[in-house]
């Protein structure tokens, strides 16, 4: 029995001279891996090879166990061509795709994640967007908001309004973040932590802006602050997953924190 859903291509590899193996994030089914037979032929139903970032109406059957499903039809409805015109926007977009594939399990529906990715890619595709706004911002600002919302949605990051060790205020000096402990550490508790990442004033300002944006407000997030918090969030993701995402080296442009591990 076939399923019809809205989907975004988050991974694409060649299977043969004419076919592909495609991973889609769908709104209703979650992540699916599909064999697209003959998709690279110009006269295929998709009109040729399906690329990363392609979004549209997808008709498919799901596989059982480790087997691939079958892509029966794909009709692109949203063009992402503008994202390929600027390398910084493309790098941010590709990091978002890889991150979704890393934290969302196959066959586990997360419509909120699909909407988050759809909206973030849309904001990245607005070339005249204000460079200071979180919701319509520069690639670094959009990426910061995306990382923040995604990892909070999947339960990888909780509240950051107090020290995770003692419960007290963290202040603005000698503040660290511990991925293993899952939160911020104040100056009195950070010395006991063997795994920690120094949180600069720029990161604290960015975290405050992201918290405000999540509450429905419209704060500003300058590039320097966005880049700093992106480095922190990418570090946390790397620690939680046990690996660094391949696209991080291109999307995460600045690491102002000081990582200290055993």
C-alpha atoms as a PDB file:
ATOM      1  CA  UNK A   1       0.000   0.000   0.000  1.00  0.00           C
ATOM      2  CA  UNK A   2       1.429   3.370  -1.006  1.00  0.00           C
ATOM      3  CA  UNK A   3       1.701   6.496   1.118  1.00  0.00           C
ATOM      4  CA  UNK A   4       1.490  10.076  -0.119  1.00  0.00           C
ATOM      5  CA  UNK A   5       3.234  12.728   1.955  1.00  0.00           C
ATOM      6  CA  UNK A   6       5.080  16.032   1.772  1.00  0.00           C
ATOM      7  CA  UNK A   7       8.809  15.362   1.859  1.00  0.00           C
ATOM      8  CA  UNK A   8      12.245  17.032   1.836  1.00  0.00           C
ATOM      9  CA  UNK A   9      15.250  15.138   0.469  1.00  0.00           C
ATOM     10  CA  UNK A  10      17.916  15.079   3.189  1.00  0.00           C
ATOM     11  CA  UNK A  11      20.315  12.524   1.677  1.00  0.00           C
ATOM     12  CA  UNK A  12      20.950  11.241  -1.843  1.00  0.00           C
ATOM     13  CA  UNK A  13      23.358   8.580  -3.124  1.00  0.00           C
ATOM     14  CA  UNK A  14      23.726   6.813  -6.454  1.00  0.00           C
ATOM     15  CA  UNK A  15      22.482   3.227  -6.568  1.00  0.00           C
ATOM     16  CA  UNK A  16      23.226   2.560 -10.226  1.00  0.00           C
ATOM     17  CA  UNK A  17      23.672   4.497 -13.445  1.00  0.00           C
ATOM     18  CA  UNK A  18      19.960   5.283 -13.503  1.00  0.00           C
ATOM     19  CA  UNK A  19      18.739   4.888  -9.911  1.00  0.00           C
ATOM     20  CA  UNK A  20      19.241   6.533  -6.510  1.00  0.00           C
ATOM     21  CA  UNK A  21      18.830   5.744  -2.841  1.00  0.00           C
ATOM     22  CA  UNK A  22      17.083   8.730  -1.279  1.00  0.00           C
ATOM     23  CA  UNK A  23      16.403   9.647   2.318  1.00  0.00           C
ATOM     24  CA  UNK A  24      13.417  11.909   2.867  1.00  0.00           C
ATOM     25  CA  UNK A  25      12.120  13.693   5.921  1.00  0.00           C
ATOM     26  CA  UNK A  26       8.362  13.446   5.523  1.00  0.00           C
ATOM     27  CA  UNK A  27       5.805  15.335   7.537  1.00  0.00           C
ATOM     28  CA  UNK A  28       3.563  12.432   8.416  1.00  0.00           C
ATOM     29  CA  UNK A  29       5.841   9.370   8.464  1.00  0.00           C
ATOM     30  CA  UNK A  30       9.201  10.780   9.547  1.00  0.00           C
ATOM     31  CA  UNK A  31      12.465   9.705   7.939  1.00  0.00           C
ATOM     32  CA  UNK A  32      12.166   7.141   5.126  1.00  0.00           C
ATOM     33  CA  UNK A  33      14.850   5.531   2.931  1.00  0.00           C
ATOM     34  CA  UNK A  34      13.662   4.802  -0.585  1.00  0.00           C
ATOM     35  CA  UNK A  35      14.989   3.242  -3.747  1.00  0.00           C
ATOM     36  CA  UNK A  36      14.210   5.540  -6.652  1.00  0.00           C
ATOM     37  CA  UNK A  37      14.362   3.270  -9.686  1.00  0.00           C
ATOM     38  CA  UNK A  38      15.207   5.104 -12.895  1.00  0.00           C
ATOM     39  CA  UNK A  39      15.068   8.505 -11.199  1.00  0.00           C
ATOM     40  CA  UNK A  40      18.194   9.715 -13.028  1.00  0.00           C
ATOM     41  CA  UNK A  41      16.608   9.234 -16.420  1.00  0.00           C
ATOM     42  CA  UNK A  42      15.454  12.543 -17.981  1.00  0.00           C
ATOM     43  CA  UNK A  43      12.055  11.010 -18.761  1.00  0.00           C
ATOM     44  CA  UNK A  44      11.471   9.718 -15.234  1.00  0.00           C
ATOM     45  CA  UNK A  45       8.407  10.868 -13.292  1.00  0.00           C
ATOM     46  CA  UNK A  46      10.648  13.202 -11.272  1.00  0.00           C
ATOM     47  CA  UNK A  47      12.144  14.719 -14.414  1.00  0.00           C
ATOM     48  CA  UNK A  48      15.670  13.588 -13.615  1.00  0.00           C
ATOM     49  CA  UNK A  49      17.873  12.959 -10.582  1.00  0.00           C
ATOM     50  CA  UNK A  50      16.433  14.182  -7.279  1.00  0.00           C
ATOM     51  CA  UNK A  51      18.788  16.504  -5.415  1.00  0.00           C
ATOM     52  CA  UNK A  52      19.307  17.372  -1.776  1.00  0.00           C
ATOM     53  CA  UNK A  53      16.898  20.079  -0.524  1.00  0.00           C
ATOM     54  CA  UNK A  54      14.221  19.080  -3.050  1.00  0.00           C
ATOM     55  CA  UNK A  55      10.771  19.395  -1.465  1.00  0.00           C
ATOM     56  CA  UNK A  56       7.518  18.142  -2.865  1.00  0.00           C
ATOM     57  CA  UNK A  57       4.779  15.541  -3.049  1.00  0.00           C
ATOM     58  CA  UNK A  58       6.143  12.054  -2.513  1.00  0.00           C
ATOM     59  CA  UNK A  59       4.387   8.754  -3.216  1.00  0.00           C
ATOM     60  CA  UNK A  60       6.144   5.687  -1.821  1.00  0.00           C
ATOM     61  CA  UNK A  61       5.916   2.318  -0.170  1.00  0.00           C
ATOM     62  CA  UNK A  62       7.873   1.662   3.016  1.00  0.00           C
ATOM     63  CA  UNK A  63      10.271  -1.241   3.432  1.00  0.00           C
ATOM     64  CA  UNK A  64      10.317  -3.827   6.203  1.00  0.00           C
ATOM     65  CA  UNK A  65      13.169  -4.035   8.661  1.00  0.00           C
ATOM     66  CA  UNK A  66      16.398  -2.946   6.987  1.00  0.00           C
ATOM     67  CA  UNK A  67      14.987  -3.124   3.453  1.00  0.00           C
ATOM     68  CA  UNK A  68      14.442  -0.003   1.388  1.00  0.00           C
ATOM     69  CA  UNK A  69      11.064   1.347   0.481  1.00  0.00           C
ATOM     70  CA  UNK A  70      10.226   2.206  -3.117  1.00  0.00           C
ATOM     71  CA  UNK A  71       9.746   5.716  -4.439  1.00  0.00           C
ATOM     72  CA  UNK A  72       6.862   5.610  -6.883  1.00  0.00           C
ATOM     73  CA  UNK A  73       6.522   9.305  -7.680  1.00  0.00           C
ATOM     74  CA  UNK A  74       8.047  12.638  -6.654  1.00  0.00           C
ATOM     75  CA  UNK A  75       6.800  16.031  -7.802  1.00  0.00           C
ATOM     76  CA  UNK A  76       8.878  19.007  -6.644  1.00  0.00           C
ATOM     77  CA  UNK A  77       6.727  21.873  -5.356  1.00  0.00           C
ATOM     78  CA  UNK A  78       9.306  24.122  -3.649  1.00  0.00           C
ATOM     79  CA  UNK A  79      12.421  25.300  -5.459  1.00  0.00           C
ATOM     80  CA  UNK A  80      15.592  25.696  -3.371  1.00  0.00           C
ATOM     81  CA  UNK A  81      17.717  27.024  -6.257  1.00  0.00           C
ATOM     82  CA  UNK A  82      18.408  30.312  -4.469  1.00  0.00           C
ATOM     83  CA  UNK A  83      20.213  28.459  -1.669  1.00  0.00           C
ATOM     84  CA  UNK A  84      22.865  27.334  -4.143  1.00  0.00           C
ATOM     85  CA  UNK A  85      23.713  30.905  -5.099  1.00  0.00           C
ATOM     86  CA  UNK A  86      25.526  31.649  -1.823  1.00  0.00           C
ATOM     87  CA  UNK A  87      27.889  29.199  -0.199  1.00  0.00           C
ATOM     88  CA  UNK A  88      27.167  30.278   3.388  1.00  0.00           C
ATOM     89  CA  UNK A  89      23.434  29.671   2.930  1.00  0.00           C
ATOM     90  CA  UNK A  90      24.027  26.322   1.236  1.00  0.00           C
ATOM     91  CA  UNK A  91      26.400  25.170   3.986  1.00  0.00           C
ATOM     92  CA  UNK A  92      23.851  26.048   6.669  1.00  0.00           C
ATOM     93  CA  UNK A  93      21.114  24.236   4.755  1.00  0.00           C
ATOM     94  CA  UNK A  94      23.199  21.076   4.291  1.00  0.00           C
ATOM     95  CA  UNK A  95      24.070  21.029   7.996  1.00  0.00           C
ATOM     96  CA  UNK A  96      20.349  21.221   8.802  1.00  0.00           C
ATOM     97  CA  UNK A  97      19.633  18.235   6.557  1.00  0.00           C
ATOM     98  CA  UNK A  98      22.385  16.145   8.131  1.00  0.00           C
ATOM     99  CA  UNK A  99      21.298  17.100  11.629  1.00  0.00           C
ATOM    100  CA  UNK A 100      17.702  16.047  10.974  1.00  0.00           C
ATOM    101  CA  UNK A 101      18.901  12.698   9.653  1.00  0.00           C
ATOM    102  CA  UNK A 102      21.075  12.215  12.738  1.00  0.00           C
ATOM    103  CA  UNK A 103      18.489  12.950  15.443  1.00  0.00           C
ATOM    104  CA  UNK A 104      15.215  11.741  13.890  1.00  0.00           C
ATOM    105  CA  UNK A 105      14.767   7.976  13.723  1.00  0.00           C
ATOM    106  CA  UNK A 106      13.349   6.243  10.664  1.00  0.00           C
ATOM    107  CA  UNK A 107       9.586   5.856  10.745  1.00  0.00           C
ATOM    108  CA  UNK A 108       9.195   8.169  13.769  1.00  0.00           C
ATOM    109  CA  UNK A 109       6.889  11.057  12.777  1.00  0.00           C
ATOM    110  CA  UNK A 110       7.865  14.535  13.935  1.00  0.00           C
ATOM    111  CA  UNK A 111       5.702  17.024  12.012  1.00  0.00           C
ATOM    112  CA  UNK A 112       7.150  19.824  14.137  1.00  0.00           C
ATOM    113  CA  UNK A 113      10.649  18.970  12.900  1.00  0.00           C
ATOM    114  CA  UNK A 114       9.471  18.917   9.292  1.00  0.00           C
ATOM    115  CA  UNK A 115       7.841  22.335   9.726  1.00  0.00           C
ATOM    116  CA  UNK A 116      10.954  23.665  11.457  1.00  0.00           C
ATOM    117  CA  UNK A 117      13.174  22.521   8.578  1.00  0.00           C
ATOM    118  CA  UNK A 118      10.747  23.789   5.932  1.00  0.00           C
ATOM    119  CA  UNK A 119      10.559  27.221   7.566  1.00  0.00           C
ATOM    120  CA  UNK A 120      14.313  27.465   8.184  1.00  0.00           C
ATOM    121  CA  UNK A 121      15.105  26.627   4.558  1.00  0.00           C
ATOM    122  CA  UNK A 122      12.555  29.224   3.518  1.00  0.00           C
ATOM    123  CA  UNK A 123      14.221  31.892   5.652  1.00  0.00           C
ATOM    124  CA  UNK A 124      17.629  30.981   4.263  1.00  0.00           C
ATOM    125  CA  UNK A 125      16.177  31.520   0.812  1.00  0.00           C
ATOM    126  CA  UNK A 126      15.222  35.133   1.518  1.00  0.00           C
ATOM    127  CA  UNK A 127      18.208  37.082   0.104  1.00  0.00           C
ATOM    128  CA  UNK A 128      16.909  40.462   1.272  1.00  0.00           C
ATOM    129  CA  UNK A 129      16.307  39.377   4.849  1.00  0.00           C
ATOM    130  CA  UNK A 130      17.518  41.593   7.672  1.00  0.00           C
ATOM    131  CA  UNK A 131      20.917  40.376   8.916  1.00  0.00           C
ATOM    132  CA  UNK A 132      19.960  41.120  12.526  1.00  0.00           C
ATOM    133  CA  UNK A 133      16.667  39.279  12.957  1.00  0.00           C
ATOM    134  CA  UNK A 134      16.351  35.772  14.320  1.00  0.00           C
ATOM    135  CA  UNK A 135      13.280  34.876  12.287  1.00  0.00           C
ATOM    136  CA  UNK A 136      14.497  36.285   8.962  1.00  0.00           C
ATOM    137  CA  UNK A 137      18.166  36.463   9.657  1.00  0.00           C
ATOM    138  CA  UNK A 138      21.565  35.778   8.297  1.00  0.00           C
ATOM    139  CA  UNK A 139      22.515  32.117   7.768  1.00  0.00           C
ATOM    140  CA  UNK A 140      24.184  31.995  11.186  1.00  0.00           C
ATOM    141  CA  UNK A 141      21.130  33.426  12.958  1.00  0.00           C
ATOM    142  CA  UNK A 142      18.729  31.099  11.158  1.00  0.00           C
ATOM    143  CA  UNK A 143      20.989  28.124  11.903  1.00  0.00           C
ATOM    144  CA  UNK A 144      21.188  29.054  15.586  1.00  0.00           C
ATOM    145  CA  UNK A 145      17.414  29.196  15.897  1.00  0.00           C
ATOM    146  CA  UNK A 146      17.078  25.902  14.003  1.00  0.00           C
ATOM    147  CA  UNK A 147      19.636  24.052  16.143  1.00  0.00           C
ATOM    148  CA  UNK A 148      18.109  25.410  19.338  1.00  0.00           C
ATOM    149  CA  UNK A 149      14.523  24.451  18.476  1.00  0.00           C
ATOM    150  CA  UNK A 150      15.440  21.042  17.050  1.00  0.00           C
ATOM    151  CA  UNK A 151      17.577  19.739  19.892  1.00  0.00           C
ATOM    152  CA  UNK A 152      15.093  21.025  22.457  1.00  0.00           C
ATOM    153  CA  UNK A 153      12.237  19.322  20.602  1.00  0.00           C
ATOM    154  CA  UNK A 154      13.987  15.927  20.548  1.00  0.00           C
ATOM    155  CA  UNK A 155      14.931  16.237  24.220  1.00  0.00           C
ATOM    156  CA  UNK A 156      18.664  16.822  23.928  1.00  0.00           C
ATOM    157  CA  UNK A 157      18.604  20.173  25.714  1.00  0.00           C
ATOM    158  CA  UNK A 158      16.575  21.365  28.677  1.00  0.00           C
ATOM    159  CA  UNK A 159      16.221  24.725  30.390  1.00  0.00           C
ATOM    160  CA  UNK A 160      19.356  26.834  30.816  1.00  0.00           C
ATOM    161  CA  UNK A 161      18.168  29.249  33.495  1.00  0.00           C
ATOM    162  CA  UNK A 162      20.213  27.930  36.440  1.00  0.00           C
ATOM    163  CA  UNK A 163      23.329  25.950  37.301  1.00  0.00           C
ATOM    164  CA  UNK A 164      22.735  22.282  36.527  1.00  0.00           C
ATOM    165  CA  UNK A 165      24.818  21.264  39.543  1.00  0.00           C
ATOM    166  CA  UNK A 166      23.706  23.479  42.433  1.00  0.00           C
ATOM    167  CA  UNK A 167      20.569  25.113  41.013  1.00  0.00           C
ATOM    168  CA  UNK A 168      21.873  28.612  41.677  1.00  0.00           C
ATOM    169  CA  UNK A 169      22.293  31.553  39.329  1.00  0.00           C
ATOM    170  CA  UNK A 170      25.091  31.219  36.817  1.00  0.00           C
ATOM    171  CA  UNK A 171      26.001  34.900  36.547  1.00  0.00           C
ATOM    172  CA  UNK A 172      27.996  36.252  33.603  1.00  0.00           C
ATOM    173  CA  UNK A 173      31.588  35.331  34.499  1.00  0.00           C
ATOM    174  CA  UNK A 174      33.335  31.949  34.565  1.00  0.00           C
ATOM    175  CA  UNK A 175      30.277  30.204  33.129  1.00  0.00           C
ATOM    176  CA  UNK A 176      30.615  26.811  31.461  1.00  0.00           C
ATOM    177  CA  UNK A 177      28.329  24.350  29.700  1.00  0.00           C
ATOM    178  CA  UNK A 178      28.606  20.619  30.317  1.00  0.00           C
ATOM    179  CA  UNK A 179      27.068  18.342  27.706  1.00  0.00           C
ATOM    180  CA  UNK A 180      27.391  15.285  29.934  1.00  0.00           C
ATOM    181  CA  UNK A 181      25.552  17.055  32.773  1.00  0.00           C
ATOM    182  CA  UNK A 182      23.099  18.712  30.409  1.00  0.00           C
ATOM    183  CA  UNK A 183      23.320  22.366  31.354  1.00  0.00           C
ATOM    184  CA  UNK A 184      25.212  25.426  32.533  1.00  0.00           C
ATOM    185  CA  UNK A 185      27.682  25.436  35.398  1.00  0.00           C
ATOM    186  CA  UNK A 186      28.280  28.413  37.677  1.00  0.00           C
ATOM    187  CA  UNK A 187      31.759  29.602  38.688  1.00  0.00           C
ATOM    188  CA  UNK A 188      31.560  27.663  41.971  1.00  0.00           C
ATOM    189  CA  UNK A 189      30.692  24.329  40.344  1.00  0.00           C
ATOM    190  CA  UNK A 190      32.589  24.362  37.061  1.00  0.00           C
ATOM    191  CA  UNK A 191      35.955  23.406  38.574  1.00  0.00           C
ATOM    192  CA  UNK A 192      34.674  19.908  39.428  1.00  0.00           C
ATOM    193  CA  UNK A 193      33.545  19.169  35.860  1.00  0.00           C
ATOM    194  CA  UNK A 194      35.981  17.320  33.616  1.00  0.00           C
ATOM    195  CA  UNK A 195      33.953  17.922  30.446  1.00  0.00           C
ATOM    196  CA  UNK A 196      32.925  21.524  29.855  1.00  0.00           C
ATOM    197  CA  UNK A 197      32.772  24.292  27.287  1.00  0.00           C
ATOM    198  CA  UNK A 198      33.392  27.917  28.217  1.00  0.00           C
ATOM    199  CA  UNK A 199      30.345  30.126  27.746  1.00  0.00           C
ATOM    200  CA  UNK A 200      31.269  33.653  26.699  1.00  0.00           C
ATOM    201  CA  UNK A 201      29.104  36.773  27.168  1.00  0.00           C
ATOM    202  CA  UNK A 202      28.281  36.542  23.443  1.00  0.00           C
ATOM    203  CA  UNK A 203      26.896  33.037  23.943  1.00  0.00           C
ATOM    204  CA  UNK A 204      24.869  34.111  26.978  1.00  0.00           C
ATOM    205  CA  UNK A 205      23.357  36.969  24.958  1.00  0.00           C
ATOM    206  CA  UNK A 206      22.552  34.588  22.118  1.00  0.00           C
ATOM    207  CA  UNK A 207      20.909  32.079  24.467  1.00  0.00           C
ATOM    208  CA  UNK A 208      18.753  34.861  25.876  1.00  0.00           C
ATOM    209  CA  UNK A 209      17.719  35.883  22.348  1.00  0.00           C
ATOM    210  CA  UNK A 210      16.865  32.302  21.381  1.00  0.00           C
ATOM    211  CA  UNK A 211      14.825  31.837  24.544  1.00  0.00           C
ATOM    212  CA  UNK A 212      12.919  35.037  23.787  1.00  0.00           C
ATOM    213  CA  UNK A 213      12.322  33.949  20.175  1.00  0.00           C
ATOM    214  CA  UNK A 214      10.982  30.617  21.374  1.00  0.00           C
ATOM    215  CA  UNK A 215       8.540  32.521  23.575  1.00  0.00           C
ATOM    216  CA  UNK A 216       7.181  34.363  20.533  1.00  0.00           C
ATOM    217  CA  UNK A 217       9.183  37.577  20.800  1.00  0.00           C
ATOM    218  CA  UNK A 218      11.305  39.058  17.993  1.00  0.00           C
ATOM    219  CA  UNK A 219      14.792  39.724  19.368  1.00  0.00           C
ATOM    220  CA  UNK A 220      17.889  40.499  17.327  1.00  0.00           C
ATOM    221  CA  UNK A 221      20.785  38.106  16.997  1.00  0.00           C
ATOM    222  CA  UNK A 222      23.961  39.613  15.466  1.00  0.00           C
ATOM    223  CA  UNK A 223      26.251  37.357  13.459  1.00  0.00           C
ATOM    224  CA  UNK A 224      28.984  37.249  16.106  1.00  0.00           C
ATOM    225  CA  UNK A 225      26.603  36.045  18.790  1.00  0.00           C
ATOM    226  CA  UNK A 226      24.904  33.608  16.402  1.00  0.00           C
ATOM    227  CA  UNK A 227      28.225  32.082  15.343  1.00  0.00           C
ATOM    228  CA  UNK A 228      29.313  31.704  18.963  1.00  0.00           C
ATOM    229  CA  UNK A 229      26.138  29.910  20.059  1.00  0.00           C
ATOM    230  CA  UNK A 230      26.182  27.750  16.921  1.00  0.00           C
ATOM    231  CA  UNK A 231      29.606  26.472  17.940  1.00  0.00           C
ATOM    232  CA  UNK A 232      28.301  25.614  21.416  1.00  0.00           C
ATOM    233  CA  UNK A 233      25.188  23.847  20.122  1.00  0.00           C
ATOM    234  CA  UNK A 234      27.214  21.919  17.522  1.00  0.00           C
ATOM    235  CA  UNK A 235      29.620  20.838  20.266  1.00  0.00           C
ATOM    236  CA  UNK A 236      26.685  19.604  22.357  1.00  0.00           C
ATOM    237  CA  UNK A 237      25.269  17.684  19.391  1.00  0.00           C
ATOM    238  CA  UNK A 238      28.670  16.132  18.703  1.00  0.00           C
ATOM    239  CA  UNK A 239      28.995  15.001  22.311  1.00  0.00           C
ATOM    240  CA  UNK A 240      25.486  13.561  22.432  1.00  0.00           C
ATOM    241  CA  UNK A 241      25.796  11.716  19.118  1.00  0.00           C
ATOM    242  CA  UNK A 242      29.368  10.591  19.708  1.00  0.00           C
ATOM    243  CA  UNK A 243      30.468  11.977  16.349  1.00  0.00           C
ATOM    244  CA  UNK A 244      30.921  15.257  14.527  1.00  0.00           C
ATOM    245  CA  UNK A 245      28.587  15.850  11.602  1.00  0.00           C
ATOM    246  CA  UNK A 246      30.458  16.000   8.296  1.00  0.00           C
ATOM    247  CA  UNK A 247      28.917  19.327   7.270  1.00  0.00           C
ATOM    248  CA  UNK A 248      29.761  21.035  10.579  1.00  0.00           C
ATOM    249  CA  UNK A 249      33.236  22.049   9.389  1.00  0.00           C
ATOM    250  CA  UNK A 250      31.648  24.239   6.723  1.00  0.00           C
ATOM    251  CA  UNK A 251      28.539  25.510   8.547  1.00  0.00           C
ATOM    252  CA  UNK A 252      30.015  26.246  11.984  1.00  0.00           C
ATOM    253  CA  UNK A 253      32.215  29.205  11.200  1.00  0.00           C
ATOM    254  CA  UNK A 254      33.483  30.223  14.625  1.00  0.00           C
ATOM    255  CA  UNK A 255      34.241  28.483  17.877  1.00  0.00           C
ATOM    256  CA  UNK A 256      34.736  31.087  20.586  1.00  0.00           C
ATOM    257  CA  UNK A 257      34.208  28.689  23.463  1.00  0.00           C
ATOM    258  CA  UNK A 258      37.014  26.890  25.235  1.00  0.00           C
ATOM    259  CA  UNK A 259      36.487  23.118  25.262  1.00  0.00           C
ATOM    260  CA  UNK A 260      37.993  21.288  28.181  1.00  0.00           C
ATOM    261  CA  UNK A 261      37.836  17.511  28.345  1.00  0.00           C
ATOM    262  CA  UNK A 262      39.899  14.897  30.152  1.00  0.00           C
END
